[in-house]
């Protein structure tokens, strides 16, 4: 089984949120280790895909300076990650789209390869990353739904879901054939949600 040729995959950086937990600032543009946080994501994701696009709803010119096309949500009101995925699929010119959030600068170098192997092996609609987390000494599987790869042909299905009022990622995934892909390094999927976390990981 071979992975999907990366030229057949478009990468999508999700930077369309309000940044509520960071004090209403644009998370992807916050400085982290000398550059905007979303640029770290771009630099890690770009070598793994053929094309790259960014979903953002504010400061579009700042994101355009990254050198990738930038598209705002087609739905008003900061409708969440599914609205970003819809935009990504609408502008995806390859058979597959892979998404990553703008606030996860440590994402794995083999994210796309492993998701693509799984989606082919299972003939799935969508592959999503998971890790094992310890809580009070108990191991549990943690899904990372915005670290996902999907078939571009899902656009009409997602649009219909959104038009019917659906907004929850898990609820949409429940309507699809999904394969989960375990990753060992849970730190690679760490989100930086607050300014305190940003300073904590600066070192």
Protein backbone atom coordinates (compact mmCIF):
# COMPACT_ATOMS: atom_id res chain seq x y z
CA UNK A 1 0.00 0.00 0.00
CA UNK A 2 1.45 3.36 -1.00
CA UNK A 3 0.57 6.77 0.31
CA UNK A 4 -1.28 9.25 -1.89
CA UNK A 5 1.02 11.36 -4.07
CA UNK A 6 1.36 14.66 -2.20
CA UNK A 7 0.60 16.54 -5.44
CA UNK A 8 -2.93 15.14 -5.12
CA UNK A 9 -3.36 16.70 -1.66
CA UNK A 10 -4.19 20.31 -0.74
CA UNK A 11 -3.30 21.51 2.74
CA UNK A 12 -5.68 23.80 4.63
CA UNK A 13 -4.64 25.90 7.61
CA UNK A 14 -7.68 26.75 9.74
CA UNK A 15 -7.26 30.30 11.05
CA UNK A 16 -10.86 31.44 10.97
CA UNK A 17 -11.69 31.48 14.68
CA UNK A 18 -12.23 34.42 17.00
CA UNK A 19 -9.32 33.61 19.32
CA UNK A 20 -11.70 33.95 22.27
CA UNK A 21 -9.51 32.16 24.82
CA UNK A 22 -6.55 34.31 23.80
CA UNK A 23 -8.42 37.54 24.47
CA UNK A 24 -10.06 38.04 21.06
CA UNK A 25 -6.71 38.22 19.25
CA UNK A 26 -5.95 36.46 15.97
CA UNK A 27 -4.17 33.35 17.25
CA UNK A 28 -2.44 32.49 14.01
CA UNK A 29 -0.71 35.87 13.88
CA UNK A 30 0.65 35.79 17.45
CA UNK A 31 4.44 35.80 17.54
CA UNK A 32 5.93 32.45 18.56
CA UNK A 33 9.65 31.71 18.40
CA UNK A 34 10.28 34.59 16.06
CA UNK A 35 7.40 34.27 13.60
CA UNK A 36 3.59 34.17 13.50
CA UNK A 37 2.26 30.91 14.93
CA UNK A 38 0.44 30.03 11.71
CA UNK A 39 3.72 30.32 9.81
CA UNK A 40 5.12 27.44 11.89
CA UNK A 41 2.12 25.38 10.80
CA UNK A 42 2.63 26.40 7.18
CA UNK A 43 6.31 25.47 7.26
CA UNK A 44 5.54 22.02 8.68
CA UNK A 45 2.55 21.29 6.46
CA UNK A 46 3.78 22.74 3.16
CA UNK A 47 6.43 20.04 2.42
CA UNK A 48 3.75 17.35 2.93
CA UNK A 49 1.23 18.63 0.34
CA UNK A 50 1.06 19.84 -3.25
CA UNK A 51 -0.92 23.04 -2.66
CA UNK A 52 -1.68 25.11 0.43
CA UNK A 53 -4.57 27.43 1.29
CA UNK A 54 -5.52 29.37 4.42
CA UNK A 55 -8.97 29.95 5.88
CA UNK A 56 -9.13 33.26 7.78
CA UNK A 57 -11.90 35.71 8.62
CA UNK A 58 -9.85 38.70 9.72
CA UNK A 59 -6.49 40.27 8.86
CA UNK A 60 -6.61 38.66 5.42
CA UNK A 61 -3.73 40.74 4.07
CA UNK A 62 -1.47 39.58 6.90
CA UNK A 63 -2.19 35.95 6.02
CA UNK A 64 -1.80 36.62 2.30
CA UNK A 65 1.76 37.74 3.09
CA UNK A 66 2.49 34.08 3.92
CA UNK A 67 2.35 33.40 0.18
CA UNK A 68 -0.72 31.15 0.07
CA UNK A 69 -4.27 31.95 -1.10
CA UNK A 70 -6.54 33.09 1.76
CA UNK A 71 -10.30 32.46 1.80
CA UNK A 72 -12.86 33.60 4.41
CA UNK A 73 -15.87 31.52 5.49
CA UNK A 74 -18.82 31.40 3.12
CA UNK A 75 -21.09 31.36 6.20
CA UNK A 76 -21.40 34.47 8.36
CA UNK A 77 -20.86 34.54 12.09
CA UNK A 78 -17.71 32.52 12.76
CA UNK A 79 -19.46 29.20 12.22
CA UNK A 80 -16.52 27.09 13.39
CA UNK A 81 -14.11 24.59 11.83
CA UNK A 82 -16.71 23.03 9.52
CA UNK A 83 -17.16 26.38 7.78
CA UNK A 84 -13.40 26.45 7.28
CA UNK A 85 -13.42 22.92 5.89
CA UNK A 86 -16.22 23.91 3.51
CA UNK A 87 -14.12 26.78 2.17
CA UNK A 88 -11.11 24.50 1.85
CA UNK A 89 -13.09 21.93 -0.11
CA UNK A 90 -14.63 24.64 -2.30
CA UNK A 91 -11.18 25.86 -3.35
CA UNK A 92 -9.46 22.46 -3.38
CA UNK A 93 -8.35 21.46 -6.88
CA UNK A 94 -6.92 18.10 -5.82
CA UNK A 95 -8.71 14.83 -4.90
CA UNK A 96 -7.87 15.21 -1.19
CA UNK A 97 -7.80 17.96 1.43
CA UNK A 98 -5.88 17.78 4.71
CA UNK A 99 -6.52 20.28 7.52
CA UNK A 100 -4.53 21.57 10.47
CA UNK A 101 -5.29 24.39 12.93
CA UNK A 102 -3.23 27.58 13.02
CA UNK A 103 -2.43 27.16 16.73
CA UNK A 104 -0.61 23.81 16.56
CA UNK A 105 2.98 24.66 15.59
CA UNK A 106 4.36 21.22 16.46
CA UNK A 107 2.32 19.09 14.03
CA UNK A 108 4.00 15.85 12.87
CA UNK A 109 6.20 15.77 9.78
CA UNK A 110 4.51 12.51 8.76
CA UNK A 111 0.93 13.65 9.42
CA UNK A 112 -0.17 13.62 5.79
CA UNK A 113 1.60 10.40 4.81
CA UNK A 114 0.04 8.44 7.67
CA UNK A 115 -3.44 9.86 7.17
CA UNK A 116 -3.26 9.12 3.45
CA UNK A 117 -2.16 5.51 3.97
CA UNK A 118 -5.12 4.94 6.26
CA UNK A 119 -7.71 6.60 4.03
CA UNK A 120 -6.59 4.42 1.10
CA UNK A 121 -6.31 1.20 3.12
CA UNK A 122 -9.84 1.57 4.52
CA UNK A 123 -11.37 3.31 1.47
CA UNK A 124 -12.61 5.86 3.99
CA UNK A 125 -14.19 9.25 3.39
CA UNK A 126 -12.03 10.83 6.04
CA UNK A 127 -9.03 9.98 8.24
CA UNK A 128 -8.50 11.64 11.60
CA UNK A 129 -5.50 11.67 13.96
CA UNK A 130 -5.75 10.24 17.47
CA UNK A 131 -3.39 9.96 20.42
CA UNK A 132 -3.48 8.17 23.76
CA UNK A 133 -3.73 10.53 26.74
CA UNK A 134 -3.28 9.68 30.42
CA UNK A 135 -5.83 11.08 32.83
CA UNK A 136 -5.43 10.11 36.49
CA UNK A 137 -3.37 7.14 35.36
CA UNK A 138 -6.06 5.95 32.96
CA UNK A 139 -5.25 5.78 29.24
CA UNK A 140 -7.91 7.02 26.86
CA UNK A 141 -7.97 7.71 23.15
CA UNK A 142 -8.15 11.39 22.22
CA UNK A 143 -9.37 12.35 18.77
CA UNK A 144 -7.97 15.44 17.05
CA UNK A 145 -10.79 16.19 14.59
CA UNK A 146 -9.24 19.20 12.87
CA UNK A 147 -6.14 17.17 12.01
CA UNK A 148 -7.89 15.28 9.24
CA UNK A 149 -7.70 14.24 5.61
CA UNK A 150 -10.83 13.94 3.48
CA UNK A 151 -11.97 13.32 -0.05
CA UNK A 152 -12.65 16.58 -1.88
CA UNK A 153 -15.88 15.08 -3.22
CA UNK A 154 -17.41 15.54 0.25
CA UNK A 155 -18.12 19.22 -0.45
CA UNK A 156 -21.83 18.82 -1.39
CA UNK A 157 -22.39 16.57 1.62
CA UNK A 158 -20.77 19.08 4.00
CA UNK A 159 -22.61 22.02 2.45
CA UNK A 160 -25.93 20.25 2.94
CA UNK A 161 -25.02 19.50 6.56
CA UNK A 162 -24.17 23.16 7.20
CA UNK A 163 -27.30 24.41 5.43
CA UNK A 164 -29.39 22.18 7.69
CA UNK A 165 -27.89 23.93 10.73
CA UNK A 166 -25.15 21.46 11.61
CA UNK A 167 -22.05 23.00 13.16
CA UNK A 168 -20.36 20.28 15.22
CA UNK A 169 -17.39 18.52 13.64
CA UNK A 170 -18.08 15.24 15.43
CA UNK A 171 -21.69 15.24 14.25
CA UNK A 172 -20.64 15.57 10.62
CA UNK A 173 -17.94 12.94 10.98
CA UNK A 174 -20.57 10.57 12.37
CA UNK A 175 -22.29 10.64 8.97
CA UNK A 176 -19.12 9.52 7.15
CA UNK A 177 -16.89 6.47 6.88
CA UNK A 178 -14.04 7.59 9.14
CA UNK A 179 -10.76 5.85 9.91
CA UNK A 180 -8.77 6.84 13.00
CA UNK A 181 -4.98 6.99 12.79
CA UNK A 182 -2.99 6.63 16.02
CA UNK A 183 0.04 8.85 16.60
CA UNK A 184 2.46 8.26 19.45
CA UNK A 185 3.54 11.85 20.15
CA UNK A 186 0.60 13.62 21.75
CA UNK A 187 2.70 16.78 22.19
CA UNK A 188 2.76 17.20 18.40
CA UNK A 189 -0.98 17.95 18.48
CA UNK A 190 -0.81 20.44 21.32
CA UNK A 191 -2.92 23.55 20.75
CA UNK A 192 -1.73 26.88 22.08
CA UNK A 193 -4.97 28.51 23.21
CA UNK A 194 -3.93 31.21 25.65
CA UNK A 195 -1.20 33.84 25.91
CA UNK A 196 0.09 32.01 29.01
CA UNK A 197 0.51 28.80 26.97
CA UNK A 198 2.22 30.80 24.24
CA UNK A 199 4.81 32.07 26.74
CA UNK A 200 5.13 28.62 28.32
CA UNK A 201 6.13 26.99 25.02
CA UNK A 202 8.29 29.88 23.84
CA UNK A 203 11.43 28.28 25.24
